[in-house]
Amino acid sequence: MNRDRLIALLILLLLAILAALGCALYRAQAARVIGAIVPGRMNAQMIRHPDDLALRYEWHAGTMPPPYHHEYTIVVGPGQEGGIVYCPDYRADGVPEWHESFAVTAEALDRLYAVMVKAQVFDRRWLAMGRPPVGGDIEWLDVTASGETVRIPAQPEEGEALEPVWQAIRELVPDETWARLRARRKEYMDNYEG
């Protein structure tokens, strides 16, 4: 074998090794990204929330007579501060609003953002249903991430895709806070004199 052929074979071997390494690295990176957004395999180290992530989520119980209706608003960010405003009835004069603050970990924001990415919150134009059902619970969201603000209206088309997002937002509020608010609501209903 002459010298030129040997050099050509070594170059081809080197290129093959580099190609194999490139494929392995690409597959590993793809697996990390997919693992960050696949339910049950979420890894907050793989997908980070943007620094400007902020949201305002509103939930209202369905139509029912006082004092059984209730509603709340959860606000988070930007940053790791959150709050909830809870109203134990329809908003009106004399109806209290209870304000609670809470801290949110960076890991919890990473998980929430991963759930939002999986639900394609930032990749769709969310439209309200043409003929929404009447009387049930409603919820909606304004969320900002990476300089973009998205509004998800009450009762959006394809809204079933959002249930994991709603759940992830509600889970940001600590269990102790929910317990305090439920206890206050029970007291409000027990003392209601409509």
Foldseek 3Di string as FASTA:
>chain_A
DDPVVVVVVVVVVVVVVVVVVVVVVVVVLVCLLCLCQDPPSNDLVSFFFALFKKKKKKKWFFDDDPQQTKIKIKIQDSPFKIKMWIWRHPDDPPTDIDIDIDGFDRSLVSSLVSLCVNLCQVPDQWDADPDDDHGGMWMWMWIDGPRDIHTHHTRTVVCVSCPVNVVSRVPRDDPVVVVVVVVVSVVCRVPDDD
